[in-house]
């Protein structure tokens, strides 16, 4: 039951913020849409999971089986030091996306995420997924 619950949570939250790239993006005339070759641009998959904690096999937890995530972690970058900018997920997500403090509106609740994004949009502040898109990557966010 615990494993099913974890899988359900991963399905819902695992791609809260995903940046998925496809190499060799093509423009309408068939040429690369970016001056860099596809070999110069690595594929990037960024997974941010709210409220999970490091409760996965790749972090040494043996009472939860997560073989696919564990195998994926062996070939990618696994972060072992986790810090947050606020005690709830919305403001933390905002800080991660923009690099700005979520305390712009002096609010650390989940409502701050929407308010801070509105503040950011008014000031034309870019997020890192937007910067990836500008660099020729395809970006996707699920969650």
Protein backbone atom coordinates (compact mmCIF):
# COMPACT_ATOMS: atom_id res chain seq x y z
CA UNK A 1 0.00 0.00 0.00
CA UNK A 2 2.85 2.38 0.83
CA UNK A 3 4.43 1.72 -2.56
CA UNK A 4 1.16 2.37 -4.39
CA UNK A 5 0.75 5.61 -2.49
CA UNK A 6 4.29 6.66 -3.43
CA UNK A 7 3.73 5.78 -7.08
CA UNK A 8 0.48 7.75 -7.08
CA UNK A 9 2.25 10.73 -5.56
CA UNK A 10 5.10 10.46 -8.01
CA UNK A 11 2.65 10.31 -10.89
CA UNK A 12 0.87 13.43 -9.68
CA UNK A 13 3.81 15.43 -8.36
CA UNK A 14 6.94 14.04 -9.98
CA UNK A 15 6.65 16.38 -12.91
CA UNK A 16 5.66 19.47 -10.96
CA UNK A 17 8.44 21.10 -12.76
CA UNK A 18 9.88 19.23 -15.73
CA UNK A 19 12.17 20.57 -18.30
CA UNK A 20 12.32 18.05 -21.12
CA UNK A 21 14.48 18.69 -24.12
CA UNK A 22 14.65 17.21 -27.54
CA UNK A 23 17.88 17.49 -29.43
CA UNK A 24 18.00 18.58 -33.01
CA UNK A 25 14.97 20.84 -33.00
CA UNK A 26 14.14 21.73 -36.56
CA UNK A 27 12.76 24.89 -38.06
CA UNK A 28 10.30 24.86 -40.94
CA UNK A 29 13.09 24.79 -43.54
CA UNK A 30 14.66 21.66 -41.99
CA UNK A 31 17.71 23.37 -40.50
CA UNK A 32 18.55 23.43 -36.83
CA UNK A 33 16.70 26.20 -35.00
CA UNK A 34 19.77 26.91 -32.86
CA UNK A 35 23.37 27.50 -33.87
CA UNK A 36 24.62 24.82 -31.47
CA UNK A 37 24.61 21.25 -32.69
CA UNK A 38 22.52 18.69 -30.86
CA UNK A 39 25.73 17.17 -29.49
CA UNK A 40 26.48 20.50 -27.77
CA UNK A 41 23.09 20.59 -26.04
CA UNK A 42 22.56 17.94 -23.36
CA UNK A 43 19.14 16.49 -22.68
CA UNK A 44 17.81 17.84 -19.40
CA UNK A 45 15.05 16.34 -17.28
CA UNK A 46 14.44 18.27 -14.09
CA UNK A 47 12.16 16.58 -11.57
CA UNK A 48 10.94 18.49 -8.53
CA UNK A 49 8.75 16.59 -6.11
CA UNK A 50 6.84 18.46 -3.41
CA UNK A 51 6.80 16.99 0.08
CA UNK A 52 8.55 13.74 -0.90
CA UNK A 53 11.68 14.02 1.22
CA UNK A 54 14.50 11.71 0.15
CA UNK A 55 12.32 8.61 0.64
CA UNK A 56 13.60 6.72 -2.40
CA UNK A 57 15.94 3.78 -2.80
CA UNK A 58 18.57 5.99 -4.47
CA UNK A 59 18.88 7.84 -1.14
CA UNK A 60 19.45 4.60 0.77
CA UNK A 61 15.87 3.96 1.89
CA UNK A 62 15.24 0.22 1.84
CA UNK A 63 11.59 0.07 2.95
CA UNK A 64 10.27 1.70 -0.25
CA UNK A 65 11.02 0.10 -3.62
CA UNK A 66 11.56 2.62 -6.42
CA UNK A 67 13.62 0.67 -8.99
CA UNK A 68 12.95 2.90 -12.01
CA UNK A 69 13.74 6.15 -10.21
CA UNK A 70 16.81 4.47 -8.64
CA UNK A 71 18.09 3.35 -12.06
CA UNK A 72 17.46 6.82 -13.48
CA UNK A 73 19.34 8.41 -10.55
CA UNK A 74 22.41 6.28 -11.31
CA UNK A 75 22.74 7.85 -14.76
CA UNK A 76 21.82 11.43 -13.83
CA UNK A 77 22.56 14.00 -11.17
CA UNK A 78 21.22 13.18 -7.71
CA UNK A 79 21.04 16.09 -5.28
CA UNK A 80 21.90 15.17 -1.72
CA UNK A 81 21.59 18.58 -0.04
CA UNK A 82 18.03 19.84 -0.03
CA UNK A 83 17.12 23.34 1.05
CA UNK A 84 13.93 25.32 0.64
CA UNK A 85 13.27 29.05 0.65
CA UNK A 86 9.87 28.83 2.34
CA UNK A 87 7.95 26.35 4.49
CA UNK A 88 5.41 25.55 1.77
CA UNK A 89 5.71 24.35 -1.82
CA UNK A 90 4.25 27.34 -3.73
CA UNK A 91 6.79 29.97 -2.66
CA UNK A 92 9.63 27.44 -2.89
CA UNK A 93 8.63 26.63 -6.46
CA UNK A 94 8.53 30.34 -7.30
CA UNK A 95 12.07 30.83 -5.97
CA UNK A 96 13.31 27.80 -7.89
CA UNK A 97 11.75 28.97 -11.15
CA UNK A 98 12.88 32.59 -10.98
CA UNK A 99 15.83 32.74 -8.60
CA UNK A 100 13.99 35.45 -6.64
CA UNK A 101 12.95 35.49 -3.01
CA UNK A 102 9.31 34.49 -2.54
CA UNK A 103 8.94 37.13 0.17
CA UNK A 104 8.21 39.85 -2.38
CA UNK A 105 4.65 39.98 -1.11
CA UNK A 106 5.65 38.98 2.44
CA UNK A 107 3.64 35.78 2.07
CA UNK A 108 4.94 32.24 2.46
CA UNK A 109 1.66 30.41 1.93
CA UNK A 110 0.79 28.51 -1.25
CA UNK A 111 -1.29 31.50 -2.41
CA UNK A 112 2.00 33.37 -2.71
CA UNK A 113 2.94 31.27 -5.75
CA UNK A 114 0.19 32.83 -7.88
CA UNK A 115 0.74 36.31 -6.45
CA UNK A 116 4.50 36.15 -6.96
CA UNK A 117 4.07 34.89 -10.53
CA UNK A 118 1.75 37.82 -11.25
CA UNK A 119 4.38 40.16 -9.78
CA UNK A 120 7.04 38.51 -11.94
CA UNK A 121 4.94 38.78 -15.11
CA UNK A 122 4.34 42.49 -14.50
CA UNK A 123 8.09 43.09 -14.33
CA UNK A 124 9.04 40.78 -17.22
CA UNK A 125 11.27 38.62 -15.02
CA UNK A 126 12.22 35.40 -16.79
CA UNK A 127 12.15 31.94 -15.29
CA UNK A 128 14.76 29.30 -16.02
CA UNK A 129 12.33 27.24 -18.18
CA UNK A 130 11.81 30.39 -20.29
CA UNK A 131 15.59 30.76 -20.65
CA UNK A 132 15.84 27.14 -21.79
CA UNK A 133 13.11 27.80 -24.35
CA UNK A 134 14.94 30.89 -25.61
CA UNK A 135 18.07 28.72 -26.02
CA UNK A 136 16.19 26.38 -28.38
CA UNK A 137 15.03 23.72 -25.95
CA UNK A 138 11.49 22.36 -25.78
CA UNK A 139 10.11 22.78 -22.28
CA UNK A 140 7.23 21.07 -20.53
CA UNK A 141 5.76 21.39 -17.06
CA UNK A 142 3.31 18.86 -15.66
CA UNK A 143 1.70 18.97 -12.26
